[in-house]
């Protein structure tokens, strides 16, 4: 059951496919031999989680018509970017003689967290003001400044 795709796989029909057959029919077989669920946690795992969070935030911002949903999407995008900043500052990606403290990604992430807190406070104040004036937080009804 724990065999990789290159060492031979037995399918439901009982047909065994060995490594001599796979590279001819399926040239991407070596790429599928890497299973991120069985490898130790590394930089690629953090990058995958960051990319999923970033994509979920973009989808949330694009699909939500509620101001609070859009704000949640913005926070997901910022947190996905933070995870990638920290993953890129990993010592595994740095050169041997690089003159750095190794805190570059963490410092950028800290700055983004501070920026996100300020953005959330201002955006929530604007949303509450809009709700007091219109009794809704639907962003499609925000047309007061149209001339």
Protein backbone atom coordinates (compact mmCIF):
# COMPACT_ATOMS: atom_id res chain seq x y z
CA UNK A 1 0.00 0.00 0.00
CA UNK A 2 2.85 2.40 0.76
CA UNK A 3 4.59 1.95 -2.60
CA UNK A 4 5.44 4.97 -4.69
CA UNK A 5 4.27 5.34 -8.25
CA UNK A 6 7.75 4.62 -9.60
CA UNK A 7 8.32 1.32 -7.82
CA UNK A 8 5.21 -0.30 -9.25
CA UNK A 9 1.55 0.05 -8.43
CA UNK A 10 -1.15 -2.61 -8.43
CA UNK A 11 -4.47 -1.26 -9.65
CA UNK A 12 -7.97 -2.59 -8.84
CA UNK A 13 -7.96 -4.89 -11.88
CA UNK A 14 -4.79 -6.57 -10.62
CA UNK A 15 -2.56 -5.07 -13.32
CA UNK A 16 0.90 -4.14 -12.11
CA UNK A 17 2.51 -1.11 -13.72
CA UNK A 18 6.25 -0.91 -13.24
CA UNK A 19 8.75 1.90 -13.68
CA UNK A 20 9.61 0.79 -17.22
CA UNK A 21 6.08 1.49 -18.45
CA UNK A 22 5.28 4.72 -16.60
CA UNK A 23 7.92 7.11 -18.00
CA UNK A 24 6.80 6.40 -21.57
CA UNK A 25 3.10 6.85 -21.03
CA UNK A 26 3.16 9.27 -18.16
CA UNK A 27 6.19 11.59 -18.25
CA UNK A 28 5.16 13.42 -15.05
CA UNK A 29 5.52 10.30 -12.89
CA UNK A 30 8.63 11.58 -11.03
CA UNK A 31 6.70 14.68 -9.97
CA UNK A 32 3.93 12.56 -8.49
CA UNK A 33 6.41 10.54 -6.46
CA UNK A 34 6.67 13.51 -4.05
CA UNK A 35 3.85 13.21 -1.53
CA UNK A 36 3.60 16.33 0.69
CA UNK A 37 1.56 14.41 3.28
CA UNK A 38 4.32 11.90 4.03
CA UNK A 39 7.30 14.27 3.99
CA UNK A 40 8.50 16.10 7.12
CA UNK A 41 7.13 19.62 7.48
CA UNK A 42 9.27 21.96 5.41
CA UNK A 43 9.16 25.27 3.59
CA UNK A 44 6.92 23.91 0.82
CA UNK A 45 4.19 23.07 3.31
CA UNK A 46 4.12 26.61 4.65
CA UNK A 47 4.08 27.98 1.12
CA UNK A 48 1.12 25.76 0.22
CA UNK A 49 -0.83 26.87 3.31
CA UNK A 50 -0.02 30.52 2.56
CA UNK A 51 -1.10 30.16 -1.07
CA UNK A 52 -4.38 28.49 -0.04
CA UNK A 53 -5.10 31.26 2.48
CA UNK A 54 -4.23 33.95 -0.09
CA UNK A 55 -6.48 32.35 -2.72
CA UNK A 56 -9.34 31.92 -0.24
CA UNK A 57 -9.04 35.61 0.66
CA UNK A 58 -9.11 36.73 -2.97
CA UNK A 59 -12.17 34.55 -3.63
CA UNK A 60 -13.84 35.90 -0.50
CA UNK A 61 -13.18 39.50 -1.55
CA UNK A 62 -14.49 38.86 -5.06
CA UNK A 63 -17.67 37.01 -4.11
CA UNK A 64 -18.90 38.70 -0.93
CA UNK A 65 -21.30 41.62 -1.18
CA UNK A 66 -21.15 42.24 2.56
CA UNK A 67 -18.54 44.71 3.83
CA UNK A 68 -17.59 42.43 6.72
CA UNK A 69 -17.04 39.50 4.34
CA UNK A 70 -14.74 41.66 2.21
CA UNK A 71 -12.80 42.67 5.34
CA UNK A 72 -12.40 38.99 6.26
CA UNK A 73 -11.07 38.33 2.76
CA UNK A 74 -8.53 41.13 3.14
CA UNK A 75 -7.36 39.64 6.43
CA UNK A 76 -6.97 36.20 4.83
CA UNK A 77 -4.88 37.69 2.03
CA UNK A 78 -2.63 39.50 4.50
CA UNK A 79 -2.22 36.41 6.70
CA UNK A 80 -1.42 34.23 3.67
CA UNK A 81 1.24 36.73 2.65
CA UNK A 82 2.63 36.70 6.22
CA UNK A 83 3.00 32.93 6.19
CA UNK A 84 4.87 33.12 2.89
CA UNK A 85 7.14 35.91 4.18
CA UNK A 86 8.10 33.79 7.16
CA UNK A 87 8.55 30.69 4.98
CA UNK A 88 10.83 32.59 2.59
CA UNK A 89 13.02 33.71 5.50
CA UNK A 90 13.77 30.09 6.34
CA UNK A 91 17.43 29.24 6.88
CA UNK A 92 17.05 26.48 4.29
CA UNK A 93 16.60 29.11 1.57
CA UNK A 94 19.44 31.39 2.68
CA UNK A 95 22.95 31.16 1.35
CA UNK A 96 25.80 30.05 3.58
CA UNK A 97 27.62 33.38 3.66
CA UNK A 98 24.61 35.69 3.72
CA UNK A 99 25.19 38.52 6.25
CA UNK A 100 21.73 38.65 7.84
CA UNK A 101 20.10 38.11 11.21
CA UNK A 102 17.56 35.77 9.64
CA UNK A 103 14.62 37.86 10.81
CA UNK A 104 13.77 39.54 7.52
CA UNK A 105 10.50 37.67 6.95
CA UNK A 106 9.46 37.96 10.58
CA UNK A 107 10.01 41.73 10.59
CA UNK A 108 8.02 42.18 7.39
CA UNK A 109 5.25 39.98 8.83
CA UNK A 110 5.21 42.08 12.01
CA UNK A 111 4.86 45.24 9.91
CA UNK A 112 2.01 43.64 7.94
CA UNK A 113 0.26 42.64 11.20
CA UNK A 114 0.49 46.24 12.44
CA UNK A 115 -0.81 47.49 9.11
CA UNK A 116 -3.67 44.97 9.17
CA UNK A 117 -4.69 46.04 12.69
CA UNK A 118 -4.83 49.69 11.64
CA UNK A 119 -6.71 48.78 8.45
CA UNK A 120 -9.25 46.72 10.41
CA UNK A 121 -9.89 49.54 12.88
CA UNK A 122 -10.43 52.14 10.15
CA UNK A 123 -12.50 49.80 7.97
CA UNK A 124 -14.74 48.76 10.85
CA UNK A 125 -15.29 52.43 11.77
CA UNK A 126 -16.28 53.18 8.17
CA UNK A 127 -18.56 50.12 8.08
CA UNK A 128 -20.29 51.10 11.34
CA UNK A 129 -20.78 54.65 10.08
CA UNK A 130 -22.25 53.31 6.82
CA UNK A 131 -24.56 51.00 8.79
CA UNK A 132 -25.78 53.94 10.92
CA UNK A 133 -26.62 55.91 7.76
CA UNK A 134 -28.11 53.14 5.58
CA UNK A 135 -29.15 50.29 7.95
CA UNK A 136 -27.18 47.82 5.81
CA UNK A 137 -23.59 46.83 5.14
CA UNK A 138 -24.21 45.79 1.52
CA UNK A 139 -21.37 47.29 -0.53
CA UNK A 140 -23.57 47.60 -3.64
CA UNK A 141 -25.62 50.31 -1.88
CA UNK A 142 -22.56 52.48 -1.22
CA UNK A 143 -23.28 55.09 -3.90
CA UNK A 144 -23.51 58.27 -1.84
CA UNK A 145 -20.51 59.93 -3.49
CA UNK A 146 -21.70 59.38 -7.07
CA UNK A 147 -22.09 62.71 -8.83
